[in-house]
């Protein structure tokens, strides 16, 4: 109901920076599916490209850093960027190659 939406939005607005009300709960659930599938597909794509680029001696991290500078098209997901993992782990991954 409209009242439930208002109560929920008031609650979430007190703890979350931005809430976006939707017309039905199924829209919210479908949005979660879209976001998760988009993320999973992009991570899988980068993993596959890493195997190819390793064979070509191309540094995937350098490519991601350069692609992030473009104002359109490429969106670096947090899981694909260096910021989420410790530097020691990142350095070890740089030297990891697939067979």
PDB file of N, CA and C in Angstrom:
ATOM      1  N   UNK A   1       0.836  -1.189   0.000  1.00  0.00           N
ATOM      2  CA  UNK A   1       0.000   0.000   0.000  1.00  0.00           C
ATOM      3  C   UNK A   1       0.874   1.243   0.000  1.00  0.00           C
ATOM      4  N   UNK A   2       0.255   2.327  -0.313  1.00  0.00           N
ATOM      5  CA  UNK A   2       0.984   3.611  -0.325  1.00  0.00           C
ATOM      6  C   UNK A   2       1.548   3.931   1.060  1.00  0.00           C
ATOM      7  N   UNK A   3       0.765   3.656   2.090  1.00  0.00           N
ATOM      8  CA  UNK A   3       1.200   3.928   3.466  1.00  0.00           C
ATOM      9  C   UNK A   3       2.409   3.062   3.836  1.00  0.00           C
ATOM     10  N   UNK A   4       2.411   1.817   3.453  1.00  0.00           N
ATOM     11  CA  UNK A   4       3.553   0.925   3.724  1.00  0.00           C
ATOM     12  C   UNK A   4       4.815   1.460   3.043  1.00  0.00           C
ATOM     13  N   UNK A   5       4.669   1.933   1.808  1.00  0.00           N
ATOM     14  CA  UNK A   5       5.803   2.505   1.087  1.00  0.00           C
ATOM     15  C   UNK A   5       6.354   3.716   1.835  1.00  0.00           C
ATOM     16  N   UNK A   6       5.475   4.576   2.307  1.00  0.00           N
ATOM     17  CA  UNK A   6       5.916   5.773   3.036  1.00  0.00           C
ATOM     18  C   UNK A   6       6.640   5.408   4.326  1.00  0.00           C
ATOM     19  N   UNK A   7       6.114   4.439   5.080  1.00  0.00           N
ATOM     20  CA  UNK A   7       6.745   4.011   6.333  1.00  0.00           C
ATOM     21  C   UNK A   7       8.114   3.392   6.046  1.00  0.00           C
ATOM     22  N   UNK A   8       8.167   2.512   5.046  1.00  0.00           N
ATOM     23  CA  UNK A   8       9.437   1.860   4.692  1.00  0.00           C
ATOM     24  C   UNK A   8      10.458   2.890   4.228  1.00  0.00           C
ATOM     25  N   UNK A   9      10.034   3.832   3.410  1.00  0.00           N
ATOM     26  CA  UNK A   9      10.959   4.845   2.918  1.00  0.00           C
ATOM     27  C   UNK A   9      11.470   5.724   4.057  1.00  0.00           C
ATOM     28  N   UNK A  10      10.611   6.082   4.989  1.00  0.00           N
ATOM     29  CA  UNK A  10      11.028   6.879   6.147  1.00  0.00           C
ATOM     30  C   UNK A  10      12.078   6.121   6.954  1.00  0.00           C
ATOM     31  N   UNK A  11      11.841   4.833   7.172  1.00  0.00           N
ATOM     32  CA  UNK A  11      12.804   4.009   7.916  1.00  0.00           C
ATOM     33  C   UNK A  11      14.147   3.950   7.186  1.00  0.00           C
ATOM     34  N   UNK A  12      14.124   3.580   5.912  1.00  0.00           N
ATOM     35  CA  UNK A  12      15.367   3.440   5.158  1.00  0.00           C
ATOM     36  C   UNK A  12      16.081   4.769   4.942  1.00  0.00           C
ATOM     37  N   UNK A  13      15.341   5.838   4.772  1.00  0.00           N
ATOM     38  CA  UNK A  13      15.969   7.163   4.621  1.00  0.00           C
ATOM     39  C   UNK A  13      16.761   7.562   5.855  1.00  0.00           C
ATOM     40  N   UNK A  14      16.422   7.010   7.001  1.00  0.00           N
ATOM     41  CA  UNK A  14      17.151   7.350   8.232  1.00  0.00           C
ATOM     42  C   UNK A  14      18.489   6.625   8.332  1.00  0.00           C
ATOM     43  N   UNK A  15      18.682   5.562   7.535  1.00  0.00           N
ATOM     44  CA  UNK A  15      19.939   4.802   7.632  1.00  0.00           C
ATOM     45  C   UNK A  15      20.686   4.658   6.308  1.00  0.00           C
ATOM     46  N   UNK A  16      20.050   4.977   5.197  1.00  0.00           N
ATOM     47  CA  UNK A  16      20.664   4.819   3.873  1.00  0.00           C
ATOM     48  C   UNK A  16      20.717   6.180   3.196  1.00  0.00           C
ATOM     49  N   UNK A  17      21.794   6.415   2.452  1.00  0.00           N
ATOM     50  CA  UNK A  17      21.987   7.718   1.804  1.00  0.00           C
ATOM     51  C   UNK A  17      20.874   8.023   0.808  1.00  0.00           C
ATOM     52  N   UNK A  18      20.523   7.065  -0.036  1.00  0.00           N
ATOM     53  CA  UNK A  18      19.498   7.333  -1.051  1.00  0.00           C
ATOM     54  C   UNK A  18      18.605   6.118  -1.217  1.00  0.00           C
ATOM     55  N   UNK A  19      17.321   6.326  -1.076  1.00  0.00           N
ATOM     56  CA  UNK A  19      16.362   5.264  -1.357  1.00  0.00           C
ATOM     57  C   UNK A  19      15.602   5.633  -2.626  1.00  0.00           C
ATOM     58  N   UNK A  20      15.209   4.613  -3.353  1.00  0.00           N
ATOM     59  CA  UNK A  20      14.468   4.834  -4.593  1.00  0.00           C
ATOM     60  C   UNK A  20      13.177   4.013  -4.518  1.00  0.00           C
ATOM     61  N   UNK A  21      12.056   4.673  -4.293  1.00  0.00           N
ATOM     62  CA  UNK A  21      10.790   3.930  -4.230  1.00  0.00           C
ATOM     63  C   UNK A  21      10.400   3.399  -5.608  1.00  0.00           C
ATOM     64  N   UNK A  22       9.785   2.233  -5.621  1.00  0.00           N
ATOM     65  CA  UNK A  22       9.318   1.634  -6.872  1.00  0.00           C
ATOM     66  C   UNK A  22       7.834   1.306  -6.748  1.00  0.00           C
ATOM     67  N   UNK A  23       7.227   0.997  -7.871  1.00  0.00           N
ATOM     68  CA  UNK A  23       5.777   0.796  -7.899  1.00  0.00           C
ATOM     69  C   UNK A  23       5.329  -0.503  -7.230  1.00  0.00           C
ATOM     70  N   UNK A  24       6.135  -1.552  -7.323  1.00  0.00           N
ATOM     71  CA  UNK A  24       5.785  -2.858  -6.762  1.00  0.00           C
ATOM     72  C   UNK A  24       7.036  -3.531  -6.208  1.00  0.00           C
ATOM     73  N   UNK A  25       6.861  -4.421  -5.257  1.00  0.00           N
ATOM     74  CA  UNK A  25       8.011  -5.152  -4.711  1.00  0.00           C
ATOM     75  C   UNK A  25       8.673  -6.005  -5.791  1.00  0.00           C
ATOM     76  N   UNK A  26       7.900  -6.485  -6.742  1.00  0.00           N
ATOM     77  CA  UNK A  26       8.504  -7.304  -7.811  1.00  0.00           C
ATOM     78  C   UNK A  26       9.468  -6.480  -8.663  1.00  0.00           C
ATOM     79  N   UNK A  27       9.254  -5.179  -8.767  1.00  0.00           N
ATOM     80  CA  UNK A  27      10.205  -4.310  -9.474  1.00  0.00           C
ATOM     81  C   UNK A  27      11.514  -4.251  -8.700  1.00  0.00           C
ATOM     82  N   UNK A  28      11.436  -4.133  -7.380  1.00  0.00           N
ATOM     83  CA  UNK A  28      12.638  -4.106  -6.548  1.00  0.00           C
ATOM     84  C   UNK A  28      13.401  -5.429  -6.656  1.00  0.00           C
ATOM     85  N   UNK A  29      12.685  -6.539  -6.617  1.00  0.00           N
ATOM     86  CA  UNK A  29      13.330  -7.853  -6.720  1.00  0.00           C
ATOM     87  C   UNK A  29      13.954  -8.052  -8.100  1.00  0.00           C
ATOM     88  N   UNK A  30      13.260  -7.627  -9.146  1.00  0.00           N
ATOM     89  CA  UNK A  30      13.807  -7.743 -10.501  1.00  0.00           C
ATOM     90  C   UNK A  30      15.047  -6.870 -10.655  1.00  0.00           C
ATOM     91  N   UNK A  31      15.050  -5.716  -9.999  1.00  0.00           N
ATOM     92  CA  UNK A  31      16.220  -4.834 -10.032  1.00  0.00           C
ATOM     93  C   UNK A  31      17.415  -5.514  -9.402  1.00  0.00           C
ATOM     94  N   UNK A  32      17.197  -6.185  -8.277  1.00  0.00           N
ATOM     95  CA  UNK A  32      18.292  -6.924  -7.627  1.00  0.00           C
ATOM     96  C   UNK A  32      18.844  -8.004  -8.555  1.00  0.00           C
ATOM     97  N   UNK A  33      17.936  -8.707  -9.252  1.00  0.00           N
ATOM     98  CA  UNK A  33      18.381  -9.723 -10.216  1.00  0.00           C
ATOM     99  C   UNK A  33      19.231  -9.103 -11.315  1.00  0.00           C
ATOM    100  N   UNK A  34      18.757  -8.002 -11.880  1.00  0.00           N
ATOM    101  CA  UNK A  34      19.497  -7.323 -12.942  1.00  0.00           C
ATOM    102  C   UNK A  34      20.892  -6.925 -12.467  1.00  0.00           C
ATOM    103  N   UNK A  35      20.978  -6.303 -11.291  1.00  0.00           N
ATOM    104  CA  UNK A  35      22.275  -5.860 -10.768  1.00  0.00           C
ATOM    105  C   UNK A  35      23.222  -7.037 -10.557  1.00  0.00           C
ATOM    106  N   UNK A  36      22.721  -8.120  -9.967  1.00  0.00           N
ATOM    107  CA  UNK A  36      23.577  -9.275  -9.680  1.00  0.00           C
ATOM    108  C   UNK A  36      24.013 -10.000 -10.945  1.00  0.00           C
ATOM    109  N   UNK A  37      23.108 -10.131 -11.915  1.00  0.00           N
ATOM    110  CA  UNK A  37      23.466 -10.787 -13.172  1.00  0.00           C
ATOM    111  C   UNK A  37      24.465  -9.934 -13.943  1.00  0.00           C
ATOM    112  N   UNK A  38      24.242  -8.630 -13.976  1.00  0.00           N
ATOM    113  CA  UNK A  38      25.165  -7.711 -14.652  1.00  0.00           C
ATOM    114  C   UNK A  38      26.572  -7.852 -14.060  1.00  0.00           C
ATOM    115  N   UNK A  39      26.656  -7.868 -12.744  1.00  0.00           N
ATOM    116  CA  UNK A  39      27.948  -7.993 -12.058  1.00  0.00           C
ATOM    117  C   UNK A  39      28.600  -9.339 -12.381  1.00  0.00           C
ATOM    118  N   UNK A  40      27.839 -10.427 -12.277  1.00  0.00           N
ATOM    119  CA  UNK A  40      28.393 -11.757 -12.512  1.00  0.00           C
ATOM    120  C   UNK A  40      28.892 -11.917 -13.949  1.00  0.00           C
ATOM    121  N   UNK A  41      28.127 -11.422 -14.904  1.00  0.00           N
ATOM    122  CA  UNK A  41      28.527 -11.523 -16.318  1.00  0.00           C
ATOM    123  C   UNK A  41      29.809 -10.731 -16.560  1.00  0.00           C
ATOM    124  N   UNK A  42      29.898  -9.542 -16.002  1.00  0.00           N
ATOM    125  CA  UNK A  42      31.089  -8.727 -16.218  1.00  0.00           C
ATOM    126  C   UNK A  42      32.328  -9.310 -15.547  1.00  0.00           C
ATOM    127  N   UNK A  43      32.175  -9.882 -14.369  1.00  0.00           N
ATOM    128  CA  UNK A  43      33.305 -10.532 -13.710  1.00  0.00           C
ATOM    129  C   UNK A  43      33.759 -11.730 -14.536  1.00  0.00           C
ATOM    130  N   UNK A  44      32.811 -12.522 -15.026  1.00  0.00           N
ATOM    131  CA  UNK A  44      33.161 -13.674 -15.854  1.00  0.00           C
ATOM    132  C   UNK A  44      33.875 -13.236 -17.132  1.00  0.00           C
ATOM    133  N   UNK A  45      33.390 -12.159 -17.743  1.00  0.00           N
ATOM    134  CA  UNK A  45      34.024 -11.638 -18.954  1.00  0.00           C
ATOM    135  C   UNK A  45      35.475 -11.235 -18.686  1.00  0.00           C
ATOM    136  N   UNK A  46      35.700 -10.490 -17.619  1.00  0.00           N
ATOM    137  CA  UNK A  46      37.062 -10.048 -17.309  1.00  0.00           C
ATOM    138  C   UNK A  46      37.952 -11.245 -16.980  1.00  0.00           C
ATOM    139  N   UNK A  47      37.420 -12.252 -16.292  1.00  0.00           N
ATOM    140  CA  UNK A  47      38.210 -13.451 -16.006  1.00  0.00           C
ATOM    141  C   UNK A  47      38.633 -14.149 -17.300  1.00  0.00           C
ATOM    142  N   UNK A  48      37.720 -14.260 -18.242  1.00  0.00           N
ATOM    143  CA  UNK A  48      38.048 -14.882 -19.530  1.00  0.00           C
ATOM    144  C   UNK A  48      39.071 -14.041 -20.298  1.00  0.00           C
ATOM    145  N   UNK A  49      38.881 -12.732 -20.302  1.00  0.00           N
ATOM    146  CA  UNK A  49      39.820 -11.855 -21.004  1.00  0.00           C
ATOM    147  C   UNK A  49      41.200 -11.898 -20.361  1.00  0.00           C
ATOM    148  N   UNK A  50      41.235 -12.042 -19.030  1.00  0.00           N
ATOM    149  CA  UNK A  50      42.537 -12.122 -18.353  1.00  0.00           C
ATOM    150  C   UNK A  50      43.332 -13.316 -18.870  1.00  0.00           C
ATOM    151  N   UNK A  51      42.667 -14.448 -19.060  1.00  0.00           N
ATOM    152  CA  UNK A  51      43.376 -15.618 -19.582  1.00  0.00           C
ATOM    153  C   UNK A  51      43.942 -15.333 -20.973  1.00  0.00           C
ATOM    154  N   UNK A  52      43.153 -14.688 -21.818  1.00  0.00           N
ATOM    155  CA  UNK A  52      43.618 -14.346 -23.159  1.00  0.00           C
ATOM    156  C   UNK A  52      44.777 -13.355 -23.101  1.00  0.00           C
ATOM    157  N   UNK A  53      44.604 -12.288 -22.333  1.00  0.00           N
ATOM    158  CA  UNK A  53      45.625 -11.240 -22.288  1.00  0.00           C
ATOM    159  C   UNK A  53      46.894 -11.696 -21.594  1.00  0.00           C
ATOM    160  N   UNK A  54      46.796 -12.643 -20.655  1.00  0.00           N
ATOM    161  CA  UNK A  54      48.008 -13.215 -20.058  1.00  0.00           C
ATOM    162  C   UNK A  54      48.870 -13.857 -21.144  1.00  0.00           C
ATOM    163  N   UNK A  55      48.232 -14.575 -22.070  1.00  0.00           N
ATOM    164  CA  UNK A  55      48.964 -15.216 -23.170  1.00  0.00           C
ATOM    165  C   UNK A  55      49.588 -14.187 -24.109  1.00  0.00           C
ATOM    166  N   UNK A  56      48.984 -12.995 -24.133  1.00  0.00           N
ATOM    167  CA  UNK A  56      49.490 -11.935 -24.999  1.00  0.00           C
ATOM    168  C   UNK A  56      50.437 -10.995 -24.254  1.00  0.00           C
ATOM    169  N   UNK A  57      50.742 -11.312 -22.998  1.00  0.00           N
ATOM    170  CA  UNK A  57      51.593 -10.482 -22.137  1.00  0.00           C
ATOM    171  C   UNK A  57      51.049  -9.063 -21.974  1.00  0.00           C
ATOM    172  N   UNK A  58      49.735  -8.966 -21.828  1.00  0.00           N
ATOM    173  CA  UNK A  58      49.076  -7.685 -21.591  1.00  0.00           C
ATOM    174  C   UNK A  58      48.578  -7.678 -20.149  1.00  0.00           C
ATOM    175  N   UNK A  59      48.900  -6.633 -19.420  1.00  0.00           N
ATOM    176  CA  UNK A  59      48.525  -6.505 -18.017  1.00  0.00           C
ATOM    177  C   UNK A  59      47.059  -6.066 -17.904  1.00  0.00           C
ATOM    178  N   UNK A  60      46.196  -6.955 -17.409  1.00  0.00           N
ATOM    179  CA  UNK A  60      44.773  -6.649 -17.294  1.00  0.00           C
ATOM    180  C   UNK A  60      44.521  -5.481 -16.352  1.00  0.00           C
ATOM    181  N   UNK A  61      45.324  -5.347 -15.273  1.00  0.00           N
ATOM    182  CA  UNK A  61      45.137  -4.248 -14.320  1.00  0.00           C
ATOM    183  C   UNK A  61      45.426  -2.903 -14.983  1.00  0.00           C
ATOM    184  N   UNK A  62      46.446  -2.877 -15.842  1.00  0.00           N
ATOM    185  CA  UNK A  62      46.735  -1.639 -16.570  1.00  0.00           C
ATOM    186  C   UNK A  62      45.556  -1.284 -17.479  1.00  0.00           C
ATOM    187  N   UNK A  63      45.018  -2.298 -18.149  1.00  0.00           N
ATOM    188  CA  UNK A  63      43.877  -2.067 -19.034  1.00  0.00           C
ATOM    189  C   UNK A  63      42.679  -1.532 -18.256  1.00  0.00           C
ATOM    190  N   UNK A  64      42.400  -2.113 -17.095  1.00  0.00           N
ATOM    191  CA  UNK A  64      41.269  -1.660 -16.280  1.00  0.00           C
ATOM    192  C   UNK A  64      41.485  -0.221 -15.835  1.00  0.00           C
ATOM    193  N   UNK A  65      42.712   0.097 -15.400  1.00  0.00           N
ATOM    194  CA  UNK A  65      43.017   1.470 -14.976  1.00  0.00           C
ATOM    195  C   UNK A  65      42.786   2.472 -16.115  1.00  0.00           C
ATOM    196  N   UNK A  66      43.194   2.115 -17.314  1.00  0.00           N
ATOM    197  CA  UNK A  66      43.013   3.013 -18.457  1.00  0.00           C
ATOM    198  C   UNK A  66      41.533   3.104 -18.829  1.00  0.00           C
ATOM    199  N   UNK A  67      40.847   1.969 -18.855  1.00  0.00           N
ATOM    200  CA  UNK A  67      39.431   1.971 -19.231  1.00  0.00           C
ATOM    201  C   UNK A  67      38.591   2.789 -18.249  1.00  0.00           C
ATOM    202  N   UNK A  68      38.985   2.816 -16.978  1.00  0.00           N
ATOM    203  CA  UNK A  68      38.237   3.582 -15.973  1.00  0.00           C
ATOM    204  C   UNK A  68      38.290   5.084 -16.227  1.00  0.00           C
ATOM    205  N   UNK A  69      39.237   5.551 -17.038  1.00  0.00           N
ATOM    206  CA  UNK A  69      39.360   6.987 -17.284  1.00  0.00           C
ATOM    207  C   UNK A  69      38.333   7.494 -18.292  1.00  0.00           C
ATOM    208  N   UNK A  70      37.678   6.591 -18.993  1.00  0.00           N
ATOM    209  CA  UNK A  70      36.696   6.992 -19.999  1.00  0.00           C
ATOM    210  C   UNK A  70      35.391   7.388 -19.321  1.00  0.00           C
ATOM    211  N   UNK A  71      34.761   8.476 -19.777  1.00  0.00           N
ATOM    212  CA  UNK A  71      33.530   8.940 -19.134  1.00  0.00           C
ATOM    213  C   UNK A  71      32.284   8.145 -19.542  1.00  0.00           C
ATOM    214  N   UNK A  72      32.424   7.150 -20.400  1.00  0.00           N
ATOM    215  CA  UNK A  72      31.270   6.397 -20.870  1.00  0.00           C
ATOM    216  C   UNK A  72      31.678   4.964 -21.138  1.00  0.00           C
ATOM    217  N   UNK A  73      30.721   4.092 -21.254  1.00  0.00           N
ATOM    218  CA  UNK A  73      30.985   2.715 -21.671  1.00  0.00           C
ATOM    219  C   UNK A  73      31.453   1.795 -20.568  1.00  0.00           C
ATOM    220  N   UNK A  74      32.694   1.917 -20.153  1.00  0.00           N
ATOM    221  CA  UNK A  74      33.270   0.986 -19.179  1.00  0.00           C
ATOM    222  C   UNK A  74      32.960   1.427 -17.759  1.00  0.00           C
ATOM    223  N   UNK A  75      32.528   0.475 -16.951  1.00  0.00           N
ATOM    224  CA  UNK A  75      32.316   0.734 -15.527  1.00  0.00           C
ATOM    225  C   UNK A  75      33.083  -0.324 -14.752  1.00  0.00           C
ATOM    226  N   UNK A  76      34.087   0.091 -14.027  1.00  0.00           N
ATOM    227  CA  UNK A  76      34.871  -0.860 -13.242  1.00  0.00           C
ATOM    228  C   UNK A  76      34.090  -1.236 -11.994  1.00  0.00           C
ATOM    229  N   UNK A  77      33.789  -2.504 -11.860  1.00  0.00           N
ATOM    230  CA  UNK A  77      33.120  -2.985 -10.654  1.00  0.00           C
ATOM    231  C   UNK A  77      34.140  -3.064  -9.532  1.00  0.00           C
ATOM    232  N   UNK A  78      33.704  -2.878  -8.306  1.00  0.00           N
ATOM    233  CA  UNK A  78      34.636  -2.913  -7.179  1.00  0.00           C
ATOM    234  C   UNK A  78      35.421  -4.223  -7.143  1.00  0.00           C
ATOM    235  N   UNK A  79      34.788  -5.315  -7.491  1.00  0.00           N
ATOM    236  CA  UNK A  79      35.477  -6.594  -7.460  1.00  0.00           C
ATOM    237  C   UNK A  79      36.505  -6.720  -8.572  1.00  0.00           C
ATOM    238  N   UNK A  80      36.452  -5.828  -9.565  1.00  0.00           N
ATOM    239  CA  UNK A  80      37.421  -5.880 -10.653  1.00  0.00           C
ATOM    240  C   UNK A  80      38.549  -4.873 -10.468  1.00  0.00           C
ATOM    241  N   UNK A  81      38.430  -4.020  -9.476  1.00  0.00           N
ATOM    242  CA  UNK A  81      39.436  -2.989  -9.288  1.00  0.00           C
ATOM    243  C   UNK A  81      40.372  -3.360  -8.164  1.00  0.00           C
ATOM    244  N   UNK A  82      41.504  -2.715  -8.148  1.00  0.00           N
ATOM    245  CA  UNK A  82      42.534  -3.060  -7.176  1.00  0.00           C
ATOM    246  C   UNK A  82      42.201  -2.612  -5.760  1.00  0.00           C
ATOM    247  N   UNK A  83      41.276  -1.680  -5.601  1.00  0.00           N
ATOM    248  CA  UNK A  83      41.025  -1.105  -4.302  1.00  0.00           C
ATOM    249  C   UNK A  83      40.471  -2.056  -3.254  1.00  0.00           C
ATOM    250  N   UNK A  84      39.858  -3.153  -3.638  1.00  0.00           N
ATOM    251  CA  UNK A  84      39.194  -4.017  -2.681  1.00  0.00           C
ATOM    252  C   UNK A  84      40.111  -5.057  -2.061  1.00  0.00           C
ATOM    253  N   UNK A  85      41.310  -5.254  -2.603  1.00  0.00           N
ATOM    254  CA  UNK A  85      42.177  -6.298  -2.066  1.00  0.00           C
ATOM    255  C   UNK A  85      43.506  -5.721  -1.587  1.00  0.00           C
ATOM    256  N   UNK A  86      44.113  -6.375  -0.591  1.00  0.00           N
ATOM    257  CA  UNK A  86      45.403  -5.885  -0.094  1.00  0.00           C
ATOM    258  C   UNK A  86      46.467  -5.890  -1.189  1.00  0.00           C
ATOM    259  N   UNK A  87      47.408  -4.984  -1.079  1.00  0.00           N
ATOM    260  CA  UNK A  87      48.441  -4.841  -2.105  1.00  0.00           C
ATOM    261  C   UNK A  87      49.249  -6.130  -2.278  1.00  0.00           C
ATOM    262  N   UNK A  88      49.534  -6.841  -1.178  1.00  0.00           N
ATOM    263  CA  UNK A  88      50.332  -8.070  -1.288  1.00  0.00           C
ATOM    264  C   UNK A  88      49.602  -9.113  -2.137  1.00  0.00           C
ATOM    265  N   UNK A  89      48.302  -9.247  -1.942  1.00  0.00           N
ATOM    266  CA  UNK A  89      47.520 -10.193  -2.740  1.00  0.00           C
ATOM    267  C   UNK A  89      47.503  -9.748  -4.194  1.00  0.00           C
ATOM    268  N   UNK A  90      47.315  -8.469  -4.413  1.00  0.00           N
ATOM    269  CA  UNK A  90      47.284  -7.925  -5.773  1.00  0.00           C
ATOM    270  C   UNK A  90      48.598  -8.199  -6.493  1.00  0.00           C
ATOM    271  N   UNK A  91      49.724  -8.005  -5.804  1.00  0.00           N
ATOM    272  CA  UNK A  91      51.025  -8.250  -6.424  1.00  0.00           C
ATOM    273  C   UNK A  91      51.202  -9.723  -6.772  1.00  0.00           C
ATOM    274  N   UNK A  92      50.706 -10.605  -5.933  1.00  0.00           N
ATOM    275  CA  UNK A  92      50.796 -12.037  -6.247  1.00  0.00           C
ATOM    276  C   UNK A  92      49.949 -12.374  -7.466  1.00  0.00           C
ATOM    277  N   UNK A  93      48.762 -11.765  -7.560  1.00  0.00           N
ATOM    278  CA  UNK A  93      47.886 -12.039  -8.702  1.00  0.00           C
ATOM    279  C   UNK A  93      48.473 -11.534 -10.012  1.00  0.00           C
ATOM    280  N   UNK A  94      49.252 -10.468  -9.943  1.00  0.00           N
ATOM    281  CA  UNK A  94      49.888  -9.945 -11.158  1.00  0.00           C
ATOM    282  C   UNK A  94      50.742 -10.995 -11.847  1.00  0.00           C
ATOM    283  N   UNK A  95      51.346 -11.862 -11.052  1.00  0.00           N
ATOM    284  CA  UNK A  95      52.280 -12.836 -11.602  1.00  0.00           C
ATOM    285  C   UNK A  95      51.631 -14.196 -11.838  1.00  0.00           C
ATOM    286  N   UNK A  96      50.352 -14.296 -11.537  1.00  0.00           N
ATOM    287  CA  UNK A  96      49.627 -15.552 -11.728  1.00  0.00           C
ATOM    288  C   UNK A  96      49.233 -15.671 -13.201  1.00  0.00           C
ATOM    289  N   UNK A  97      49.475 -16.823 -13.764  1.00  0.00           N
ATOM    290  CA  UNK A  97      49.049 -17.049 -15.157  1.00  0.00           C
ATOM    291  C   UNK A  97      48.212 -18.308 -15.230  1.00  0.00           C
ATOM    292  N   UNK A  98      47.279 -18.334 -16.144  1.00  0.00           N
ATOM    293  CA  UNK A  98      46.439 -19.506 -16.362  1.00  0.00           C
ATOM    294  C   UNK A  98      47.125 -20.451 -17.323  1.00  0.00           C
ATOM    295  N   UNK A  99      46.795 -21.702 -17.218  1.00  0.00           N
ATOM    296  CA  UNK A  99      47.329 -22.708 -18.162  1.00  0.00           C
ATOM    297  C   UNK A  99      46.316 -23.012 -19.212  1.00  0.00           C
TER     298      UNK A  99
END
